[in-house]
Amino acid sequence: MNRKQRGAATKEEQARAERGWFDRLRSQPGFRTAFVAFCLTVVLGVGAPAAYALWSSTVTANVNVPTAKPPLPGLSGDVRCGWNGIPLFSNVIITQPRPAAALPAGAVTIMIIDEPRGQNTYALTTSGSVRLVDVPGLENRLRWGNGLTISMTTAYVSGPAPGHLESIDASRILEQAAQAPSSTNAYYYSSFLCNPL
């Protein structure tokens, strides 16, 4: 009886049994391809967070760069209290000075009315004049003999573009023009007058 028949391992089988698990794995068909694919996956996977961080910081830097707004043009002319046609109380108007240059995007002319109960700001989207009786809620806040100081300027306003004579909260005003025309006065005696009684 020879060794093979007695159950003894051949030299080749013995050498195969003595090899480690890596050698056995390496001898499998397709191992090299799988190993290269695994290494590429690991290398690319390690570099991905760094590449994403670089891309993310570049995008953030580009998005957050503020754009410089052009300077606001001043108003040419004076704010005046006057009459529109027949001198009736309801026809008291405030003449609106024109901007010295075209208003840049996001800018409006604003009218600021100082009254005994506080200050209110309104957007003016049309040029010309404003009838005080058309200012929303103004008469409801006034009493007999109240004086008003009315001024106008240009300003950048945040949020959606306001409509004509829309009240603007002070927090929406981002910047006002460096110079503004002098203000004018009006008075309330059951309606409006330009001069006190």
N, C-alpha and C. Protein backbone atom coordinates (compact mmCIF):
# COMPACT_ATOMS: atom_id res chain seq x y z
N MET A 1 0.84 -1.16 0.00
CA MET A 1 0.00 0.00 0.00
C MET A 1 0.89 1.23 0.00
N ASN A 2 0.59 2.16 -0.92
CA ASN A 2 1.42 3.36 -0.98
C ASN A 2 0.90 4.42 -0.02
N ARG A 3 1.59 5.57 0.02
CA ARG A 3 1.26 6.62 1.00
C ARG A 3 -0.11 7.23 0.72
N LYS A 4 -0.44 7.35 -0.58
CA LYS A 4 -1.71 7.97 -0.94
C LYS A 4 -2.86 7.09 -0.47
N GLN A 5 -2.65 5.83 -0.59
CA GLN A 5 -3.70 4.93 -0.18
C GLN A 5 -3.82 4.90 1.34
N ARG A 6 -2.75 5.17 2.04
CA ARG A 6 -2.81 5.16 3.50
C ARG A 6 -3.38 6.46 4.04
N GLY A 7 -3.73 7.43 3.16
CA GLY A 7 -4.31 8.70 3.62
C GLY A 7 -3.29 9.77 3.85
N ALA A 8 -2.06 9.51 3.50
CA ALA A 8 -1.05 10.54 3.69
C ALA A 8 -1.17 11.57 2.59
N ALA A 9 -0.94 12.82 2.91
CA ALA A 9 -1.06 13.92 1.95
C ALA A 9 0.17 13.98 1.09
N THR A 10 -0.03 14.34 -0.17
CA THR A 10 1.09 14.52 -1.06
C THR A 10 1.80 15.80 -0.72
N LYS A 11 2.95 16.03 -1.31
CA LYS A 11 3.71 17.25 -1.03
C LYS A 11 2.93 18.49 -1.46
N GLU A 12 2.25 18.38 -2.58
CA GLU A 12 1.48 19.51 -3.08
C GLU A 12 0.32 19.84 -2.14
N GLU A 13 -0.34 18.80 -1.69
CA GLU A 13 -1.45 19.02 -0.76
C GLU A 13 -0.94 19.55 0.56
N GLN A 14 0.21 19.05 0.99
CA GLN A 14 0.81 19.51 2.24
C GLN A 14 1.21 20.97 2.12
N ALA A 15 1.80 21.35 0.96
CA ALA A 15 2.21 22.75 0.77
C ALA A 15 0.97 23.65 0.75
N ARG A 16 -0.08 23.19 0.10
CA ARG A 16 -1.32 23.97 0.03
C ARG A 16 -1.91 24.15 1.43
N ALA A 17 -1.84 23.12 2.26
CA ALA A 17 -2.38 23.19 3.61
C ALA A 17 -1.55 24.11 4.50
N GLU A 18 -0.26 24.23 4.23
CA GLU A 18 0.61 25.08 5.04
C GLU A 18 0.50 26.55 4.66
N ARG A 19 0.00 26.84 3.47
CA ARG A 19 -0.14 28.24 3.06
C ARG A 19 -1.18 28.91 3.94
N GLY A 20 -1.05 30.23 4.11
CA GLY A 20 -2.00 30.99 4.92
C GLY A 20 -3.27 31.31 4.15
N TRP A 21 -4.19 31.94 4.84
CA TRP A 21 -5.49 32.26 4.23
C TRP A 21 -5.35 33.23 3.06
N PHE A 22 -4.34 34.16 3.14
CA PHE A 22 -4.16 35.11 2.05
C PHE A 22 -3.67 34.41 0.79
N ASP A 23 -2.76 33.49 0.97
CA ASP A 23 -2.27 32.74 -0.19
C ASP A 23 -3.39 31.92 -0.83
N ARG A 24 -4.23 31.34 0.01
CA ARG A 24 -5.36 30.58 -0.55
C ARG A 24 -6.32 31.51 -1.28
N LEU A 25 -6.53 32.69 -0.72
CA LEU A 25 -7.42 33.66 -1.35
C LEU A 25 -6.83 34.15 -2.67
N ARG A 26 -5.53 34.40 -2.68
CA ARG A 26 -4.86 34.90 -3.88
C ARG A 26 -4.89 33.89 -5.01
N SER A 27 -4.95 32.65 -4.71
CA SER A 27 -4.95 31.63 -5.76
C SER A 27 -6.33 31.46 -6.41
N GLN A 28 -7.35 32.13 -5.86
CA GLN A 28 -8.69 32.03 -6.44
C GLN A 28 -8.73 32.78 -7.76
N PRO A 29 -9.54 32.31 -8.74
CA PRO A 29 -9.63 33.00 -10.03
C PRO A 29 -10.35 34.35 -9.86
N GLY A 30 -9.84 35.39 -10.51
CA GLY A 30 -10.43 36.74 -10.47
C GLY A 30 -10.01 37.56 -9.27
N PHE A 31 -9.07 37.02 -8.47
CA PHE A 31 -8.67 37.73 -7.26
C PHE A 31 -8.01 39.07 -7.58
N ARG A 32 -7.14 39.11 -8.58
CA ARG A 32 -6.43 40.36 -8.89
C ARG A 32 -7.40 41.47 -9.29
N THR A 33 -8.36 41.14 -10.11
CA THR A 33 -9.34 42.14 -10.54
C THR A 33 -10.13 42.65 -9.35
N ALA A 34 -10.57 41.75 -8.50
CA ALA A 34 -11.33 42.14 -7.32
C ALA A 34 -10.48 42.99 -6.38
N PHE A 35 -9.20 42.65 -6.23
CA PHE A 35 -8.31 43.39 -5.33
C PHE A 35 -8.07 44.81 -5.84
N VAL A 36 -7.84 44.95 -7.14
CA VAL A 36 -7.64 46.28 -7.74
C VAL A 36 -8.90 47.12 -7.57
N ALA A 37 -10.06 46.53 -7.82
CA ALA A 37 -11.33 47.26 -7.66
C ALA A 37 -11.52 47.69 -6.20
N PHE A 38 -11.19 46.82 -5.26
CA PHE A 38 -11.31 47.15 -3.85
C PHE A 38 -10.39 48.32 -3.47
N CYS A 39 -9.14 48.26 -3.93
CA CYS A 39 -8.18 49.35 -3.62
C CYS A 39 -8.65 50.69 -4.19
N LEU A 40 -9.15 50.67 -5.42
CA LEU A 40 -9.66 51.91 -6.02
C LEU A 40 -10.84 52.46 -5.23
N THR A 41 -11.71 51.58 -4.79
CA THR A 41 -12.87 52.01 -4.00
C THR A 41 -12.42 52.67 -2.70
N VAL A 42 -11.44 52.08 -2.03
CA VAL A 42 -10.94 52.64 -0.77
C VAL A 42 -10.28 53.98 -1.02
N VAL A 43 -9.41 54.07 -2.02
CA VAL A 43 -8.67 55.31 -2.30
C VAL A 43 -9.64 56.43 -2.69
N LEU A 44 -10.57 56.11 -3.58
CA LEU A 44 -11.53 57.14 -3.99
C LEU A 44 -12.47 57.51 -2.84
N GLY A 45 -12.81 56.55 -2.03
CA GLY A 45 -13.68 56.82 -0.88
C GLY A 45 -13.02 57.73 0.13
N VAL A 46 -11.71 57.60 0.34
CA VAL A 46 -10.99 58.45 1.28
C VAL A 46 -10.88 59.87 0.73
N GLY A 47 -10.72 60.02 -0.55
CA GLY A 47 -10.58 61.35 -1.14
C GLY A 47 -11.89 62.08 -1.32
N ALA A 48 -13.01 61.37 -1.29
CA ALA A 48 -14.31 62.00 -1.55
C ALA A 48 -14.67 63.08 -0.51
N PRO A 49 -14.53 62.84 0.80
CA PRO A 49 -14.88 63.91 1.75
C PRO A 49 -14.03 65.16 1.57
N ALA A 50 -12.75 64.98 1.28
CA ALA A 50 -11.90 66.15 1.08
C ALA A 50 -12.31 66.91 -0.18
N ALA A 51 -12.62 66.18 -1.24
CA ALA A 51 -13.07 66.84 -2.47
C ALA A 51 -14.39 67.56 -2.25
N TYR A 52 -15.32 66.92 -1.52
CA TYR A 52 -16.61 67.55 -1.24
C TYR A 52 -16.42 68.81 -0.39
N ALA A 53 -15.54 68.75 0.61
CA ALA A 53 -15.30 69.92 1.47
C ALA A 53 -14.72 71.07 0.65
N LEU A 54 -13.80 70.79 -0.25
CA LEU A 54 -13.23 71.83 -1.10
C LEU A 54 -14.30 72.43 -2.00
N TRP A 55 -15.12 71.59 -2.62
CA TRP A 55 -16.19 72.08 -3.50
C TRP A 55 -17.20 72.90 -2.69
N SER A 56 -17.55 72.43 -1.52
CA SER A 56 -18.55 73.11 -0.69
C SER A 56 -18.05 74.48 -0.27
N SER A 57 -16.79 74.59 0.15
CA SER A 57 -16.27 75.90 0.57
C SER A 57 -16.15 76.85 -0.61
N THR A 58 -15.83 76.34 -1.80
CA THR A 58 -15.75 77.18 -2.98
C THR A 58 -17.12 77.72 -3.34
N VAL A 59 -18.15 76.87 -3.29
CA VAL A 59 -19.51 77.30 -3.60
C VAL A 59 -19.98 78.33 -2.59
N THR A 60 -19.72 78.10 -1.31
CA THR A 60 -20.14 79.03 -0.27
C THR A 60 -19.48 80.39 -0.47
N ALA A 61 -18.22 80.39 -0.81
CA ALA A 61 -17.52 81.66 -1.01
C ALA A 61 -18.11 82.42 -2.19
N ASN A 62 -18.49 81.69 -3.24
CA ASN A 62 -19.07 82.37 -4.40
C ASN A 62 -20.47 82.88 -4.12
N VAL A 63 -21.25 82.14 -3.34
CA VAL A 63 -22.64 82.53 -3.09
C VAL A 63 -22.71 83.70 -2.12
N ASN A 64 -21.84 83.74 -1.11
CA ASN A 64 -21.95 84.73 -0.06
C ASN A 64 -21.24 86.05 -0.33
N VAL A 65 -20.66 86.20 -1.50
CA VAL A 65 -19.98 87.47 -1.79
C VAL A 65 -21.04 88.54 -2.06
N PRO A 66 -21.12 89.58 -1.21
CA PRO A 66 -22.14 90.61 -1.43
C PRO A 66 -21.81 91.48 -2.63
N THR A 67 -22.84 91.88 -3.34
CA THR A 67 -22.63 92.77 -4.47
C THR A 67 -22.79 94.20 -3.98
N ALA A 68 -21.95 95.08 -4.44
CA ALA A 68 -22.00 96.48 -4.03
C ALA A 68 -23.15 97.17 -4.74
N LYS A 69 -23.95 97.88 -3.97
CA LYS A 69 -25.07 98.62 -4.56
C LYS A 69 -24.58 100.00 -4.96
N PRO A 70 -25.11 100.51 -6.07
CA PRO A 70 -24.72 101.87 -6.47
C PRO A 70 -25.24 102.89 -5.46
N PRO A 71 -24.57 104.03 -5.34
CA PRO A 71 -25.04 105.03 -4.38
C PRO A 71 -26.42 105.55 -4.77
N LEU A 72 -27.20 105.87 -3.77
CA LEU A 72 -28.56 106.39 -4.00
C LEU A 72 -28.50 107.83 -4.49
N PRO A 73 -29.24 108.15 -5.55
CA PRO A 73 -29.28 109.55 -5.98
C PRO A 73 -30.16 110.36 -5.03
N GLY A 74 -29.78 111.62 -4.84
CA GLY A 74 -30.59 112.51 -4.02
C GLY A 74 -31.79 113.01 -4.81
N LEU A 75 -32.65 113.76 -4.15
CA LEU A 75 -33.82 114.35 -4.80
C LEU A 75 -33.51 115.80 -5.15
N SER A 76 -33.88 116.20 -6.36
CA SER A 76 -33.67 117.60 -6.76
C SER A 76 -35.00 118.34 -6.63
N GLY A 77 -34.97 119.48 -5.97
CA GLY A 77 -36.18 120.25 -5.71
C GLY A 77 -36.52 120.22 -4.24
N ASP A 78 -37.64 120.79 -3.90
CA ASP A 78 -38.05 120.88 -2.50
C ASP A 78 -39.34 120.12 -2.28
N VAL A 79 -39.53 119.70 -1.03
CA VAL A 79 -40.80 119.13 -0.61
C VAL A 79 -41.67 120.32 -0.24
N ARG A 80 -42.83 120.45 -0.87
CA ARG A 80 -43.68 121.61 -0.62
C ARG A 80 -45.12 121.19 -0.32
N CYS A 81 -45.75 121.96 0.55
CA CYS A 81 -47.17 121.79 0.82
C CYS A 81 -47.90 122.81 -0.04
N GLY A 82 -48.93 122.39 -0.77
CA GLY A 82 -49.64 123.31 -1.66
C GLY A 82 -51.05 122.84 -1.94
N TRP A 83 -51.67 123.46 -2.93
CA TRP A 83 -53.05 123.15 -3.32
C TRP A 83 -53.04 122.52 -4.69
N ASN A 84 -53.99 121.67 -4.90
CA ASN A 84 -54.17 121.06 -6.21
C ASN A 84 -55.52 121.51 -6.74
N GLY A 85 -55.52 122.53 -7.61
CA GLY A 85 -56.78 123.06 -8.15
C GLY A 85 -57.45 123.96 -7.15
N ILE A 86 -58.71 123.74 -6.92
CA ILE A 86 -59.50 124.57 -6.00
C ILE A 86 -58.98 124.36 -4.59
N PRO A 87 -58.74 125.46 -3.85
CA PRO A 87 -58.17 125.32 -2.50
C PRO A 87 -59.17 124.79 -1.47
N LEU A 88 -59.46 123.51 -1.58
CA LEU A 88 -60.29 122.85 -0.57
C LEU A 88 -59.38 122.02 0.32
N PHE A 89 -59.88 121.76 1.51
CA PHE A 89 -59.05 121.01 2.47
C PHE A 89 -58.55 119.70 1.90
N SER A 90 -59.42 118.96 1.20
CA SER A 90 -59.04 117.64 0.72
C SER A 90 -58.04 117.68 -0.42
N ASN A 91 -57.80 118.86 -0.98
CA ASN A 91 -56.87 118.96 -2.11
C ASN A 91 -55.47 119.41 -1.70
N VAL A 92 -55.17 119.40 -0.40
CA VAL A 92 -53.81 119.73 0.04
C VAL A 92 -52.88 118.64 -0.47
N ILE A 93 -51.84 119.05 -1.15
CA ILE A 93 -50.89 118.10 -1.72
C ILE A 93 -49.49 118.35 -1.22
N ILE A 94 -48.69 117.34 -1.30
CA ILE A 94 -47.26 117.45 -1.03
C ILE A 94 -46.55 117.20 -2.34
N THR A 95 -45.82 118.21 -2.82
CA THR A 95 -45.09 118.09 -4.07
C THR A 95 -43.86 117.22 -3.86
N GLN A 96 -43.73 116.24 -4.69
CA GLN A 96 -42.63 115.28 -4.58
C GLN A 96 -41.48 115.70 -5.48
N PRO A 97 -40.29 115.98 -4.92
CA PRO A 97 -39.13 116.27 -5.78
C PRO A 97 -38.75 115.05 -6.60
N ARG A 98 -38.13 115.27 -7.73
CA ARG A 98 -37.71 114.16 -8.61
C ARG A 98 -36.30 113.71 -8.24
N PRO A 99 -36.03 112.40 -8.43
CA PRO A 99 -34.66 111.94 -8.20
C PRO A 99 -33.70 112.59 -9.19
N ALA A 100 -32.51 112.92 -8.74
CA ALA A 100 -31.50 113.55 -9.60
C ALA A 100 -31.08 112.60 -10.72
N ALA A 101 -31.17 111.31 -10.52
CA ALA A 101 -30.83 110.30 -11.54
C ALA A 101 -31.81 109.15 -11.39
N ALA A 102 -31.78 108.24 -12.34
CA ALA A 102 -32.67 107.07 -12.28
C ALA A 102 -32.37 106.25 -11.03
N LEU A 103 -33.41 105.77 -10.39
CA LEU A 103 -33.23 104.97 -9.18
C LEU A 103 -32.72 103.58 -9.54
N PRO A 104 -31.70 103.10 -8.83
CA PRO A 104 -31.21 101.74 -9.09
C PRO A 104 -32.23 100.69 -8.61
N ALA A 105 -32.03 99.47 -9.03
CA ALA A 105 -32.93 98.38 -8.64
C ALA A 105 -32.96 98.25 -7.12
N GLY A 106 -34.16 98.06 -6.58
CA GLY A 106 -34.32 97.90 -5.13
C GLY A 106 -34.46 99.20 -4.38
N ALA A 107 -34.43 100.34 -5.09
CA ALA A 107 -34.53 101.65 -4.44
C ALA A 107 -35.89 102.27 -4.74
N VAL A 108 -36.40 103.03 -3.79
CA VAL A 108 -37.67 103.75 -3.95
C VAL A 108 -37.53 105.13 -3.32
N THR A 109 -38.45 106.02 -3.69
CA THR A 109 -38.57 107.29 -2.98
C THR A 109 -39.50 107.04 -1.80
N ILE A 110 -39.12 107.53 -0.64
CA ILE A 110 -39.96 107.34 0.54
C ILE A 110 -40.39 108.69 1.09
N MET A 111 -41.59 108.72 1.67
CA MET A 111 -42.12 109.91 2.34
C MET A 111 -42.23 109.57 3.82
N ILE A 112 -41.63 110.41 4.65
CA ILE A 112 -41.63 110.19 6.09
C ILE A 112 -42.51 111.27 6.72
N ILE A 113 -43.54 110.86 7.43
CA ILE A 113 -44.45 111.80 8.08
C ILE A 113 -44.27 111.68 9.58
N ASP A 114 -43.77 112.77 10.19
CA ASP A 114 -43.67 112.85 11.65
C ASP A 114 -44.96 113.47 12.16
N GLU A 115 -45.63 112.78 13.05
CA GLU A 115 -46.88 113.25 13.61
C GLU A 115 -46.82 113.05 15.12
N PRO A 116 -47.76 113.59 15.87
CA PRO A 116 -47.70 113.45 17.33
C PRO A 116 -47.64 112.01 17.83
N ARG A 117 -48.22 111.06 17.10
CA ARG A 117 -48.22 109.66 17.56
C ARG A 117 -47.01 108.88 17.07
N GLY A 118 -46.12 109.49 16.36
CA GLY A 118 -44.92 108.79 15.90
C GLY A 118 -44.58 109.11 14.46
N GLN A 119 -43.70 108.30 13.92
CA GLN A 119 -43.21 108.50 12.55
C GLN A 119 -43.68 107.34 11.68
N ASN A 120 -44.18 107.66 10.49
CA ASN A 120 -44.61 106.64 9.55
C ASN A 120 -43.94 106.89 8.21
N THR A 121 -43.57 105.81 7.53
CA THR A 121 -42.86 105.89 6.25
C THR A 121 -43.71 105.22 5.18
N TYR A 122 -43.75 105.86 4.01
CA TYR A 122 -44.55 105.36 2.89
C TYR A 122 -43.69 105.35 1.63
N ALA A 123 -43.91 104.34 0.77
CA ALA A 123 -43.22 104.25 -0.52
C ALA A 123 -43.98 105.09 -1.54
N LEU A 124 -43.24 105.78 -2.41
CA LEU A 124 -43.83 106.56 -3.50
C LEU A 124 -43.30 105.99 -4.80
N THR A 125 -44.17 105.36 -5.57
CA THR A 125 -43.72 104.74 -6.81
C THR A 125 -44.07 105.58 -8.04
N THR A 126 -44.88 106.61 -7.85
CA THR A 126 -45.18 107.52 -8.96
C THR A 126 -44.67 108.89 -8.60
N SER A 127 -44.27 109.64 -9.60
CA SER A 127 -43.73 110.98 -9.33
C SER A 127 -44.86 112.00 -9.37
N GLY A 128 -44.57 113.20 -8.93
CA GLY A 128 -45.56 114.29 -8.96
C GLY A 128 -45.89 114.74 -7.57
N SER A 129 -47.13 114.52 -7.15
CA SER A 129 -47.55 114.99 -5.84
C SER A 129 -48.43 113.94 -5.16
N VAL A 130 -48.59 114.12 -3.85
CA VAL A 130 -49.36 113.19 -3.04
C VAL A 130 -50.42 113.99 -2.29
N ARG A 131 -51.68 113.59 -2.41
CA ARG A 131 -52.74 114.21 -1.60
C ARG A 131 -52.70 113.59 -0.21
N LEU A 132 -52.68 114.41 0.82
CA LEU A 132 -52.59 113.89 2.18
C LEU A 132 -53.81 113.03 2.54
N VAL A 133 -54.97 113.32 1.98
CA VAL A 133 -56.15 112.50 2.29
C VAL A 133 -56.03 111.09 1.71
N ASP A 134 -55.12 110.89 0.75
CA ASP A 134 -54.94 109.56 0.16
C ASP A 134 -53.96 108.68 0.95
N VAL A 135 -53.27 109.26 1.92
CA VAL A 135 -52.30 108.49 2.71
C VAL A 135 -53.08 107.57 3.64
N PRO A 136 -52.91 106.25 3.52
CA PRO A 136 -53.73 105.29 4.29
C PRO A 136 -53.61 105.48 5.80
N GLY A 137 -54.76 105.65 6.46
CA GLY A 137 -54.81 105.72 7.92
C GLY A 137 -54.33 107.00 8.55
N LEU A 138 -53.86 107.96 7.77
CA LEU A 138 -53.29 109.17 8.35
C LEU A 138 -54.34 109.97 9.12
N GLU A 139 -55.50 110.23 8.52
CA GLU A 139 -56.53 111.03 9.19
C GLU A 139 -57.02 110.36 10.47
N ASN A 140 -57.05 109.05 10.51
CA ASN A 140 -57.53 108.33 11.70
C ASN A 140 -56.61 108.51 12.89
N ARG A 141 -55.34 108.82 12.64
CA ARG A 141 -54.37 108.97 13.73
C ARG A 141 -54.27 110.41 14.23
N LEU A 142 -54.94 111.36 13.57
CA LEU A 142 -54.76 112.77 13.90
C LEU A 142 -55.93 113.34 14.69
N ARG A 143 -55.63 114.43 15.43
CA ARG A 143 -56.65 115.19 16.14
C ARG A 143 -56.57 116.64 15.69
N TRP A 144 -57.60 117.37 16.03
CA TRP A 144 -57.69 118.79 15.68
C TRP A 144 -56.42 119.54 16.10
N GLY A 145 -55.81 120.24 15.14
CA GLY A 145 -54.63 121.07 15.41
C GLY A 145 -53.30 120.34 15.35
N ASN A 146 -53.29 119.05 15.07
CA ASN A 146 -52.01 118.33 14.98
C ASN A 146 -51.18 118.84 13.81
N GLY A 147 -49.90 119.03 14.06
CA GLY A 147 -48.97 119.41 13.00
C GLY A 147 -48.23 118.20 12.47
N LEU A 148 -47.88 118.25 11.19
CA LEU A 148 -47.15 117.18 10.54
C LEU A 148 -45.88 117.75 9.94
N THR A 149 -44.80 117.01 10.04
CA THR A 149 -43.57 117.35 9.33
C THR A 149 -43.36 116.26 8.29
N ILE A 150 -43.24 116.68 7.02
CA ILE A 150 -43.17 115.72 5.92
C ILE A 150 -41.84 115.88 5.20
N SER A 151 -41.11 114.78 5.10
CA SER A 151 -39.83 114.80 4.38
C SER A 151 -39.80 113.64 3.39
N MET A 152 -38.92 113.75 2.41
CA MET A 152 -38.78 112.71 1.39
C MET A 152 -37.31 112.46 1.11
N THR A 153 -37.01 111.23 0.75
CA THR A 153 -35.66 110.86 0.35
C THR A 153 -35.73 109.57 -0.46
N THR A 154 -34.59 109.11 -0.93
CA THR A 154 -34.53 107.82 -1.62
C THR A 154 -33.91 106.81 -0.66
N ALA A 155 -34.28 105.55 -0.82
CA ALA A 155 -33.79 104.51 0.08
C ALA A 155 -33.82 103.16 -0.60
N TYR A 156 -32.93 102.28 -0.14
CA TYR A 156 -32.99 100.87 -0.51
C TYR A 156 -33.91 100.18 0.49
N VAL A 157 -34.82 99.35 -0.03
CA VAL A 157 -35.80 98.67 0.80
C VAL A 157 -35.67 97.16 0.59
N SER A 158 -35.71 96.41 1.68
CA SER A 158 -35.63 94.96 1.57
C SER A 158 -37.00 94.38 1.27
N GLY A 159 -37.01 93.12 0.83
CA GLY A 159 -38.26 92.43 0.58
C GLY A 159 -38.85 92.79 -0.77
N PRO A 160 -40.11 92.42 -0.99
CA PRO A 160 -40.75 92.70 -2.28
C PRO A 160 -40.92 94.20 -2.49
N ALA A 161 -40.95 94.60 -3.76
CA ALA A 161 -41.10 96.02 -4.08
C ALA A 161 -42.43 96.54 -3.55
N PRO A 162 -42.41 97.63 -2.79
CA PRO A 162 -43.67 98.15 -2.24
C PRO A 162 -44.50 98.87 -3.28
N GLY A 163 -45.79 98.94 -3.04
CA GLY A 163 -46.70 99.67 -3.92
C GLY A 163 -46.76 101.14 -3.55
N HIS A 164 -47.44 101.93 -4.35
CA HIS A 164 -47.56 103.37 -4.11
C HIS A 164 -48.32 103.64 -2.81
N LEU A 165 -47.73 104.47 -1.97
CA LEU A 165 -48.26 104.84 -0.66
C LEU A 165 -48.41 103.65 0.29
N GLU A 166 -47.65 102.61 0.06
CA GLU A 166 -47.63 101.47 0.98
C GLU A 166 -46.78 101.82 2.18
N SER A 167 -47.31 101.54 3.35
CA SER A 167 -46.56 101.79 4.58
C SER A 167 -45.37 100.83 4.66
N ILE A 168 -44.21 101.37 5.02
CA ILE A 168 -43.00 100.56 5.11
C ILE A 168 -42.51 100.57 6.54
N ASP A 169 -42.29 99.40 7.10
CA ASP A 169 -41.73 99.29 8.44
C ASP A 169 -40.27 99.76 8.40
N ALA A 170 -39.84 100.42 9.46
CA ALA A 170 -38.47 100.95 9.52
C ALA A 170 -37.42 99.86 9.35
N SER A 171 -37.73 98.62 9.76
CA SER A 171 -36.75 97.54 9.64
C SER A 171 -36.49 97.15 8.19
N ARG A 172 -37.39 97.52 7.26
CA ARG A 172 -37.19 97.20 5.84
C ARG A 172 -36.25 98.19 5.15
N ILE A 173 -35.99 99.34 5.74
CA ILE A 173 -35.14 100.35 5.12
C ILE A 173 -33.69 99.99 5.39
N LEU A 174 -32.97 99.65 4.33
CA LEU A 174 -31.59 99.22 4.45
C LEU A 174 -30.62 100.39 4.46
N GLU A 175 -30.90 101.40 3.64
CA GLU A 175 -29.99 102.54 3.50
C GLU A 175 -30.76 103.71 2.92
N GLN A 176 -30.48 104.92 3.40
CA GLN A 176 -31.10 106.12 2.87
C GLN A 176 -30.04 106.97 2.18
N ALA A 177 -30.49 107.84 1.27
CA ALA A 177 -29.57 108.72 0.55
C ALA A 177 -28.86 109.63 1.54
N ALA A 178 -27.63 109.99 1.17
CA ALA A 178 -26.82 110.83 2.06
C ALA A 178 -27.42 112.21 2.26
N GLN A 179 -28.06 112.76 1.25
CA GLN A 179 -28.67 114.08 1.42
C GLN A 179 -30.13 114.03 0.98
N ALA A 180 -30.93 114.85 1.62
CA ALA A 180 -32.36 114.90 1.33
C ALA A 180 -32.80 116.36 1.33
N PRO A 181 -33.82 116.71 0.56
CA PRO A 181 -34.32 118.09 0.57
C PRO A 181 -34.94 118.43 1.92
N SER A 182 -35.08 119.72 2.18
CA SER A 182 -35.67 120.13 3.45
C SER A 182 -37.12 119.69 3.53
N SER A 183 -37.61 119.52 4.74
CA SER A 183 -38.97 119.04 4.95
C SER A 183 -39.97 120.19 4.86
N THR A 184 -41.26 119.85 4.86
CA THR A 184 -42.33 120.85 4.85
C THR A 184 -43.32 120.49 5.96
N ASN A 185 -44.24 121.40 6.24
CA ASN A 185 -45.21 121.20 7.30
C ASN A 185 -46.63 121.24 6.76
N ALA A 186 -47.53 120.54 7.44
CA ALA A 186 -48.96 120.60 7.16
C ALA A 186 -49.66 120.48 8.51
N TYR A 187 -50.94 120.84 8.51
CA TYR A 187 -51.70 120.85 9.76
C TYR A 187 -53.05 120.21 9.53
N TYR A 188 -53.61 119.67 10.63
CA TYR A 188 -54.89 118.97 10.50
C TYR A 188 -55.95 119.67 11.35
N TYR A 189 -57.01 120.16 10.67
CA TYR A 189 -58.18 120.73 11.34
C TYR A 189 -59.41 120.13 10.65
N SER A 190 -59.81 118.95 11.03
CA SER A 190 -60.81 118.12 10.39
C SER A 190 -60.48 117.77 8.96
N SER A 191 -59.51 118.40 8.35
CA SER A 191 -58.85 118.00 7.13
C SER A 191 -57.51 118.72 7.13
N PHE A 192 -56.85 118.84 5.98
CA PHE A 192 -55.47 119.32 5.98
C PHE A 192 -55.35 120.75 5.50
N LEU A 193 -54.38 121.46 6.09
CA LEU A 193 -54.01 122.82 5.68
C LEU A 193 -52.50 122.89 5.58
N CYS A 194 -52.02 123.84 4.79
CA CYS A 194 -50.57 124.02 4.70
C CYS A 194 -50.08 124.99 5.78
N ASN A 195 -50.94 125.85 6.27
CA ASN A 195 -50.55 126.85 7.27
C ASN A 195 -51.41 126.66 8.52
N PRO A 196 -50.85 126.94 9.69
CA PRO A 196 -51.65 126.81 10.91
C PRO A 196 -52.76 127.87 10.95
N LEU A 197 -53.83 127.62 11.68
CA LEU A 197 -54.90 128.61 11.85
C LEU A 197 -54.45 129.73 12.75
